[in-house]
Amino acid sequence: MSSSIRLLLFVFLLPSLALAQSVPQKNQAKVEYITIEGIVTDSVSGAPISQSKVTLYDDGMKEAIATTETSTEGRYTFDAPRRERYKLLADKPTYFQKEAIVLWPDGQANVPLPLVRKPGYVFDITIFDKAFEHNPVNTLRDCKVEIYNNTTKEQELAVERMPKSTFNFSFTEGNHYTMLVRKPGYFNRRVEVYVNVNGCILCVDGMGVKQPEVVPIMSHSNQIGYFLGVLDLDSIQVGKRFELKNIYYDFDKWDIKSEAAKTLDKLAVFLKDNPSIKVELGSHTDARGNDPYNLNLSDKRASSAVDYLVSTQGIDTDNITSKGYGETQLVNRCDDGFSCSETEHQMNRRTEIKITGLLDKDPLWDKTLKQIIEDPQLYRKVIDMEKRKKAYSQGLTVDF
């Protein structure tokens, strides 16, 4: 067959081939999709619930088609293959689960999912800059907020950047929670909440709670209480000082007493939550007694406190130092030659923490609260990592 005949035959068959390709093949039926959306809310207040898990099941009500988490506005959306019916299941640890059946949806279905709280306490929490004494203009946004349930070993809230300065959370009965709030430029702030645990009906350590009479505190047959929580973040500044309360010593002694140990244990948690800072622990005396004696005694007391933190709590020696100031930094008029009350002298007998150094970035920033709590060696790991980075930048090698 000549080449010209072949060319004519190809041109003649080309429209037929194109037509054949355009004809839909059998068993290639078009899949229809519908949109199922809605909002998850608190059944009483109507407030949207973020980070609620919503699962969409097929018409057999057994196999999950898709799962999502609600947005900060409590919204969820699914684009799913069309079925005769679906089941929606909303789940949030502090609420009872909520199911909803969707029948014969036509293109789009809007399904609200109101959740009923489990018995416990609801906190509406506002985050402030401590320097401004709860001025509503100086609330803090874009904080990293996490809540971990120590009883169930589950992280129940994780918001990388809280868009508002307020949020709410329900603490249910029989659980111990840890909250950690972080923001660059501020000390990381830990709060412990106990709800009907070890004889504690409601114990909150690390957060201000306004008096119950400020708000109606009980509802749902006295099973749910409502409180206003105030959380202050303190800015980090080299040279900043704060006093440690309840650090007392016997006369002419520097041994760590049981009450002082409790305070130092809390300081250790604070230092482990803030491994980016270096601190000095300073001990001060009143003006009674001669200067050399007071200076020597205060130095022994400061050293004793630091030794306790290093030996029993594992605080790194590069991150904390001790110094005795004696009577060189009195906070009032009670110097030699002045008559003062015991209360006034007590103001001078104090233990202070001073910030002496600061890393550019928090070594724990990329770690979750769950990791921080569940890995007891995490503090040691991040400290050693920072030492390696410093040694590497100086061309040195470090063995641990």
Protein backbone atom coordinates (compact mmCIF):
# COMPACT_ATOMS: atom_id res chain seq x y z
CA MET A 1 0.00 0.00 0.00
CA SER A 2 1.39 3.33 -1.04
CA SER A 3 2.10 6.05 1.51
CA SER A 4 -0.57 8.31 0.00
CA ILE A 5 -3.27 5.65 0.47
CA ARG A 6 -2.17 5.13 4.08
CA LEU A 7 -2.44 8.88 4.73
CA LEU A 8 -5.97 9.05 3.27
CA LEU A 9 -7.06 6.05 5.34
CA PHE A 10 -5.71 7.65 8.57
CA VAL A 11 -7.47 10.94 7.84
CA PHE A 12 -10.72 9.07 7.14
CA LEU A 13 -10.58 7.08 10.41
CA LEU A 14 -9.45 9.96 12.66
CA PRO A 15 -12.96 11.35 13.39
CA SER A 16 -14.20 7.87 14.26
CA LEU A 17 -11.34 7.35 16.69
CA ALA A 18 -12.02 10.70 18.37
CA LEU A 19 -15.70 9.85 18.64
CA ALA A 20 -14.92 6.49 20.16
CA GLN A 21 -12.70 8.14 22.79
CA SER A 22 -15.44 10.61 23.68
CA VAL A 23 -18.06 7.93 24.32
CA PRO A 24 -18.25 7.16 28.10
CA GLN A 25 -17.15 3.64 28.89
CA LYS A 26 -19.45 1.35 30.79
CA ASN A 27 -18.80 0.95 34.54
CA GLN A 28 -17.34 4.49 34.75
CA ALA A 29 -20.35 6.05 36.46
CA LYS A 30 -19.74 9.55 37.82
CA VAL A 31 -19.39 9.66 41.62
CA GLU A 32 -21.62 12.26 43.27
CA TYR A 33 -20.35 14.14 46.30
CA ILE A 34 -22.22 16.12 48.90
CA THR A 35 -21.08 18.55 51.59
CA ILE A 36 -21.90 17.88 55.21
CA GLU A 37 -20.99 20.70 57.57
CA GLY A 38 -21.96 22.22 60.88
CA ILE A 39 -20.76 23.60 64.18
CA VAL A 40 -20.03 21.88 67.49
CA THR A 41 -21.20 23.89 70.48
CA ASP A 42 -21.70 23.72 74.23
CA SER A 43 -25.30 22.64 74.75
CA VAL A 44 -25.87 25.23 77.50
CA SER A 45 -23.83 28.31 76.62
CA GLY A 46 -23.90 27.84 72.87
CA ALA A 47 -20.18 28.62 72.72
CA PRO A 48 -18.30 26.95 69.85
CA ILE A 49 -16.02 24.06 70.80
CA SER A 50 -12.67 23.91 69.03
CA GLN A 51 -10.55 20.77 68.55
CA SER A 52 -13.56 18.49 68.82
CA LYS A 53 -13.10 15.26 66.88
CA VAL A 54 -15.90 14.68 64.35
CA THR A 55 -16.16 11.37 62.48
CA LEU A 56 -18.39 10.66 59.46
CA TYR A 57 -19.62 7.06 59.03
CA ASP A 58 -21.14 5.41 55.93
CA ASP A 59 -24.70 4.16 55.48
CA GLY A 60 -23.78 0.92 57.21
CA MET A 61 -23.01 3.03 60.27
CA LYS A 62 -19.81 1.08 60.88
CA GLU A 63 -17.05 2.18 58.54
CA ALA A 64 -15.56 5.65 59.02
CA ILE A 65 -15.43 7.67 55.82
CA ALA A 66 -13.47 10.60 57.23
CA THR A 67 -12.42 12.29 60.47
CA THR A 68 -11.67 15.93 61.17
CA GLU A 69 -11.19 18.41 64.04
CA THR A 70 -13.30 21.50 64.52
CA SER A 71 -11.75 24.90 63.90
CA THR A 72 -11.36 27.65 66.48
CA GLU A 73 -14.94 28.63 65.57
CA GLY A 74 -16.14 25.08 66.22
CA ARG A 75 -16.85 24.35 62.56
CA TYR A 76 -16.39 21.10 60.62
CA THR A 77 -16.84 20.20 56.92
CA PHE A 78 -16.89 16.93 54.96
CA ASP A 79 -17.07 16.38 51.18
CA ALA A 80 -18.26 12.78 51.00
CA PRO A 81 -19.50 10.31 48.35
CA ARG A 82 -23.28 10.40 48.21
CA ARG A 83 -25.02 7.80 50.39
CA GLU A 84 -28.59 7.28 51.55
CA ARG A 85 -27.65 8.07 55.11
CA TYR A 86 -24.69 8.92 57.31
CA LYS A 87 -23.84 8.97 60.98
CA LEU A 88 -21.90 11.83 62.60
CA LEU A 89 -20.09 11.36 65.91
CA ALA A 90 -18.64 14.32 67.82
CA ASP A 91 -16.17 13.57 70.60
CA LYS A 92 -14.41 15.85 73.08
CA PRO A 93 -12.77 14.47 76.26
CA THR A 94 -14.59 16.87 78.61
CA TYR A 95 -18.02 16.24 77.02
CA PHE A 96 -20.32 13.31 76.43
CA GLN A 97 -20.27 12.02 72.84
CA LYS A 98 -22.96 13.25 70.45
CA GLU A 99 -24.38 11.25 67.52
CA ALA A 100 -26.51 12.51 64.64
CA ILE A 101 -28.08 10.63 61.71
CA VAL A 102 -28.27 12.35 58.31
CA LEU A 103 -30.95 10.91 55.96
CA TRP A 104 -31.24 11.46 52.21
CA PRO A 105 -29.06 14.56 52.03
CA ASP A 106 -29.60 16.63 48.90
CA GLY A 107 -26.36 18.31 47.82
CA GLN A 108 -25.58 19.84 51.20
CA ALA A 109 -26.49 19.20 54.82
CA ASN A 110 -25.94 21.45 57.81
CA VAL A 111 -25.88 19.47 61.06
CA PRO A 112 -25.31 21.26 64.39
CA LEU A 113 -23.79 19.09 67.13
CA PRO A 114 -24.45 20.42 70.68
CA LEU A 115 -22.37 18.63 73.33
CA VAL A 116 -23.28 18.12 77.00
CA ARG A 117 -20.47 18.68 79.48
CA LYS A 118 -19.37 15.98 81.87
CA PRO A 119 -19.54 16.85 85.60
CA GLY A 120 -16.66 19.11 86.59
CA TYR A 121 -15.59 22.74 86.47
CA VAL A 122 -15.51 25.14 83.54
CA PHE A 123 -12.86 27.85 83.58
CA ASP A 124 -13.04 30.96 81.42
CA ILE A 125 -9.39 31.95 81.38
CA THR A 126 -7.90 35.31 80.42
CA ILE A 127 -4.16 35.68 79.78
CA PHE A 128 -2.59 38.96 80.93
CA ASP A 129 0.81 40.61 80.87
CA LYS A 130 1.68 40.63 84.57
CA ALA A 131 3.25 44.10 84.40
CA PHE A 132 -0.10 45.76 83.69
CA GLU A 133 -2.15 44.38 86.61
CA HIS A 134 -5.06 42.90 84.65
CA ASN A 135 -5.66 45.92 82.45
CA PRO A 136 -8.03 44.55 79.78
CA VAL A 137 -6.12 46.53 77.14
CA ASN A 138 -2.95 44.54 77.88
CA THR A 139 -4.17 40.98 77.46
CA LEU A 140 -1.91 38.61 75.54
CA ARG A 141 -2.83 36.90 72.28
CA ASP A 142 -1.06 34.33 70.11
CA CYS A 143 -0.03 32.25 73.12
CA LYS A 144 0.76 28.56 72.83
CA VAL A 145 -1.71 26.79 75.13
CA GLU A 146 -1.65 23.10 76.07
CA ILE A 147 -3.53 21.02 78.64
CA TYR A 148 -2.48 17.49 79.61
CA ASN A 149 -4.55 15.01 81.63
CA ASN A 150 -2.14 13.28 84.01
CA THR A 151 -4.83 10.75 84.98
CA THR A 152 -5.59 9.47 81.47
CA LYS A 153 -2.11 10.30 80.06
CA GLU A 154 -3.70 12.21 77.18
CA GLN A 155 -3.11 15.72 75.86
CA GLU A 156 -6.57 17.29 75.72
CA LEU A 157 -5.79 20.72 74.32
CA ALA A 158 -3.03 21.89 71.99
CA VAL A 159 -3.29 25.31 70.35
CA GLU A 160 -0.11 26.57 68.69
CA ARG A 161 -1.31 30.19 68.57
CA MET A 162 -4.40 31.10 70.54
CA PRO A 163 -5.98 33.88 68.43
CA LYS A 164 -7.66 35.47 71.44
CA SER A 165 -6.51 36.25 74.96
CA THR A 166 -9.40 34.22 76.44
CA PHE A 167 -10.35 30.58 76.22
CA ASN A 168 -12.39 28.10 78.22
CA PHE A 169 -11.83 24.51 79.26
CA SER A 170 -13.79 21.99 81.28
CA PHE A 171 -11.88 20.09 83.98
CA THR A 172 -13.81 16.89 84.74
CA GLU A 173 -14.05 15.05 88.06
CA GLY A 174 -11.43 12.53 89.10
CA ASN A 175 -8.59 14.04 87.07
CA HIS A 176 -5.33 15.88 87.57
CA TYR A 177 -4.50 18.33 84.76
CA THR A 178 -1.40 20.29 83.82
CA MET A 179 -1.69 23.47 81.75
CA LEU A 180 1.31 25.09 80.08
CA VAL A 181 1.08 28.55 78.47
CA ARG A 182 3.99 29.85 76.40
CA LYS A 183 4.78 33.03 74.50
CA PRO A 184 8.17 34.23 73.21
CA GLY A 185 9.64 36.86 75.51
CA TYR A 186 7.77 35.55 78.57
CA PHE A 187 8.40 32.88 81.17
CA ASN A 188 6.62 29.62 80.41
CA ARG A 189 3.75 29.30 82.90
CA ARG A 190 2.60 25.98 84.34
CA VAL A 191 -0.70 25.46 86.19
CA GLU A 192 -1.81 22.32 88.06
CA VAL A 193 -5.54 21.61 88.46
CA TYR A 194 -6.92 18.80 90.66
CA VAL A 195 -10.62 17.91 90.51
CA ASN A 196 -11.78 15.42 93.16
CA VAL A 197 -8.31 13.88 93.38
CA ASN A 198 -6.62 12.91 96.67
CA GLY A 199 -9.21 14.76 98.73
CA CYS A 200 -9.00 17.91 96.59
CA ILE A 201 -12.50 18.96 95.50
CA LEU A 202 -10.96 21.69 93.33
CA CYS A 203 -7.34 22.75 93.81
CA VAL A 204 -5.63 25.14 91.41
CA ASP A 205 -1.91 25.85 91.75
CA GLY A 206 -0.41 28.56 89.57
CA MET A 207 -3.47 30.52 88.43
CA GLY A 208 -5.59 33.20 90.02
CA VAL A 209 -9.25 32.24 90.48
CA LYS A 210 -11.77 34.97 91.16
CA GLN A 211 -14.06 34.54 94.13
CA PRO A 212 -17.03 32.24 93.49
CA GLU A 213 -19.56 34.98 94.20
CA VAL A 214 -18.34 36.93 91.16
CA VAL A 215 -20.15 34.55 88.79
CA PRO A 216 -22.98 32.01 89.11
CA ILE A 217 -20.77 29.00 89.80
CA MET A 218 -23.05 25.95 89.71
CA SER A 219 -25.48 24.57 87.16
CA HIS A 220 -26.66 21.19 85.84
CA SER A 221 -27.98 20.13 89.28
CA ASN A 222 -24.78 21.35 90.94
CA GLN A 223 -22.62 19.07 88.80
CA ILE A 224 -20.85 21.78 86.79
CA GLY A 225 -19.16 24.85 88.26
CA TYR A 226 -18.12 27.98 86.39
CA PHE A 227 -15.10 30.07 87.36
CA LEU A 228 -13.14 33.00 85.98
CA GLY A 229 -9.44 32.20 85.72
CA VAL A 230 -6.69 34.83 85.52
CA LEU A 231 -3.32 33.76 84.13
CA ASP A 232 -0.40 36.22 84.30
CA LEU A 233 2.67 35.87 82.08
CA ASP A 234 5.80 37.63 83.26
CA SER A 235 8.23 39.05 80.70
CA ILE A 236 11.81 37.75 80.72
CA GLN A 237 14.46 40.39 81.38
CA VAL A 238 18.06 39.87 82.40
CA GLY A 239 18.45 41.36 85.87
CA LYS A 240 14.83 40.76 86.89
CA ARG A 241 14.41 39.43 90.43
CA PHE A 242 11.65 37.64 92.28
CA GLU A 243 11.45 36.43 95.85
CA LEU A 244 11.03 32.83 96.94
CA LYS A 245 8.56 32.58 99.81
CA ASN A 246 8.77 30.15 102.75
CA ILE A 247 12.55 29.68 102.65
CA TYR A 248 13.36 29.73 106.35
CA TYR A 249 16.40 28.51 108.29
CA ASP A 250 17.06 27.75 111.93
CA PHE A 251 19.23 30.24 113.83
CA ASP A 252 22.85 30.10 112.64
CA LYS A 253 21.98 27.15 110.32
CA TRP A 254 21.81 26.59 106.58
CA ASP A 255 20.17 23.17 106.40
CA ILE A 256 17.19 22.90 104.04
CA LYS A 257 14.01 22.38 106.09
CA SER A 258 10.97 20.48 104.80
CA GLU A 259 8.93 23.62 104.05
CA ALA A 260 11.86 25.16 102.20
CA ALA A 261 12.28 21.93 100.20
CA LYS A 262 8.69 22.22 98.92
CA THR A 263 9.38 25.74 97.65
CA LEU A 264 12.65 24.65 96.04
CA ASP A 265 10.89 21.72 94.37
CA LYS A 266 8.47 24.18 92.75
CA LEU A 267 11.42 26.32 91.68
CA ALA A 268 12.96 23.24 90.06
CA VAL A 269 9.80 22.69 88.00
CA PHE A 270 9.91 26.34 86.94
CA LEU A 271 13.57 26.08 85.90
CA LYS A 272 12.94 22.88 83.95
CA ASP A 273 9.99 24.54 82.18
CA ASN A 274 12.29 27.47 81.31
CA PRO A 275 15.65 25.98 80.30
CA SER A 276 16.48 29.10 78.26
CA ILE A 277 17.26 31.13 81.39
CA LYS A 278 20.27 31.20 83.69
CA VAL A 279 19.69 32.31 87.27
CA GLU A 280 21.44 33.29 90.46
CA LEU A 281 19.98 32.23 93.81
CA GLY A 282 20.81 34.91 96.36
CA SER A 283 20.39 34.77 100.12
CA HIS A 284 19.96 37.91 102.24
CA THR A 285 20.02 38.54 106.00
CA ASP A 286 18.80 41.36 108.20
CA ALA A 287 21.21 43.90 109.72
CA ARG A 288 21.47 42.27 113.14
CA GLY A 289 24.87 40.67 113.71
CA ASN A 290 28.19 41.80 112.28
CA ASP A 291 28.73 42.18 108.56
CA PRO A 292 31.29 39.38 107.99
CA TYR A 293 29.16 36.90 109.92
CA ASN A 294 26.00 37.74 107.94
CA LEU A 295 27.86 37.58 104.63
CA ASN A 296 29.32 34.15 105.42
CA LEU A 297 25.99 32.78 106.72
CA SER A 298 24.04 33.97 103.70
CA ASP A 299 26.61 32.48 101.34
CA LYS A 300 26.29 29.08 103.03
CA ARG A 301 22.49 29.26 102.86
CA ALA A 302 22.50 30.15 99.16
CA SER A 303 25.00 27.36 98.41
CA SER A 304 22.89 24.89 100.40
CA ALA A 305 19.76 25.74 98.38
CA VAL A 306 21.58 25.40 95.05
CA ASP A 307 23.17 22.11 96.14
CA TYR A 308 19.67 20.82 96.92
CA LEU A 309 18.38 21.80 93.46
CA VAL A 310 21.34 20.19 91.72
CA SER A 311 21.56 16.99 93.76
CA THR A 312 17.87 16.16 94.23
CA GLN A 313 16.19 17.82 91.22
CA GLY A 314 18.90 17.56 88.57
CA ILE A 315 19.16 21.27 87.80
CA ASP A 316 22.24 21.87 85.67
CA THR A 317 25.11 23.67 87.39
CA ASP A 318 25.66 25.84 84.31
CA ASN A 319 22.15 27.26 84.69
CA ILE A 320 22.23 28.23 88.36
CA THR A 321 24.74 29.87 90.69
CA SER A 322 24.61 30.94 94.35
CA LYS A 323 25.58 34.12 96.12
CA GLY A 324 25.32 35.37 99.67
CA TYR A 325 24.64 39.08 100.06
CA GLY A 326 24.45 39.31 103.86
CA GLU A 327 22.97 42.67 104.83
CA THR A 328 24.28 44.56 101.79
CA GLN A 329 20.92 44.84 100.01
CA LEU A 330 18.33 45.77 102.62
CA VAL A 331 14.85 46.54 101.28
CA ASN A 332 13.87 48.98 104.05
CA ARG A 333 15.29 51.36 106.62
CA CYS A 334 16.33 48.63 109.10
CA ASP A 335 20.10 49.19 108.96
CA ASP A 336 22.45 49.30 111.93
CA GLY A 337 21.32 51.84 114.49
CA PHE A 338 17.62 51.75 113.59
CA SER A 339 14.94 50.24 115.80
CA CYS A 340 12.64 47.97 113.75
CA SER A 341 9.91 45.43 114.38
CA GLU A 342 10.41 41.71 113.76
CA THR A 343 8.15 41.99 110.71
CA GLU A 344 10.40 44.68 109.24
CA HIS A 345 13.53 42.57 109.86
CA GLN A 346 11.82 39.58 108.24
CA MET A 347 11.45 41.55 105.01
CA ASN A 348 15.24 41.63 104.73
CA ARG A 349 15.71 37.92 105.50
CA ARG A 350 14.82 36.61 102.05
CA THR A 351 15.88 34.40 99.18
CA GLU A 352 15.75 35.82 95.66
CA ILE A 353 16.15 34.54 92.14
CA LYS A 354 17.84 36.86 89.62
CA ILE A 355 17.88 36.26 85.86
CA THR A 356 21.51 36.40 84.74
CA GLY A 357 21.36 35.05 81.18
CA LEU A 358 18.99 34.12 78.37
CA LEU A 359 19.18 31.98 75.23
CA ASP A 360 17.84 33.32 71.95
CA LYS A 361 15.29 30.49 71.65
CA ASP A 362 13.48 28.30 74.16
CA PRO A 363 14.93 24.76 73.73
CA LEU A 364 11.54 23.30 74.71
CA TRP A 365 9.46 25.33 72.25
CA ASP A 366 9.10 22.50 69.72
CA LYS A 367 8.30 19.90 72.41
CA THR A 368 4.70 19.15 73.35
CA LEU A 369 3.46 19.27 76.92
CA LYS A 370 2.89 15.51 76.69
CA GLN A 371 6.58 15.03 75.84
CA ILE A 372 7.68 17.38 78.62
CA ILE A 373 5.68 15.51 81.26
CA GLU A 374 6.20 11.93 80.08
CA ASP A 375 9.95 12.12 79.45
CA PRO A 376 11.69 12.74 82.79
CA GLN A 377 15.03 13.06 80.99
CA LEU A 378 13.87 15.72 78.53
CA TYR A 379 15.32 18.61 80.54
CA ARG A 380 18.72 16.90 80.63
CA LYS A 381 18.53 16.18 76.90
CA VAL A 382 17.81 19.77 75.86
CA ILE A 383 20.46 21.16 78.22
CA ASP A 384 23.07 18.77 76.81
CA MET A 385 22.00 19.68 73.27
CA GLU A 386 22.53 23.38 74.01
CA LYS A 387 25.98 22.61 75.40
CA ARG A 388 26.86 20.72 72.21
CA LYS A 389 25.67 23.65 70.07
CA LYS A 390 27.78 26.09 72.10
CA ALA A 391 30.84 23.85 71.95
CA TYR A 392 30.42 23.34 68.20
CA SER A 393 30.21 27.10 67.61
CA GLN A 394 33.50 27.44 69.51
CA GLY A 395 35.17 24.58 67.64
CA LEU A 396 35.23 22.36 70.72
CA THR A 397 34.02 18.81 71.37
CA VAL A 398 31.98 17.75 74.38
CA ASP A 399 31.46 14.24 75.72
CA PHE A 400 28.46 13.47 77.95
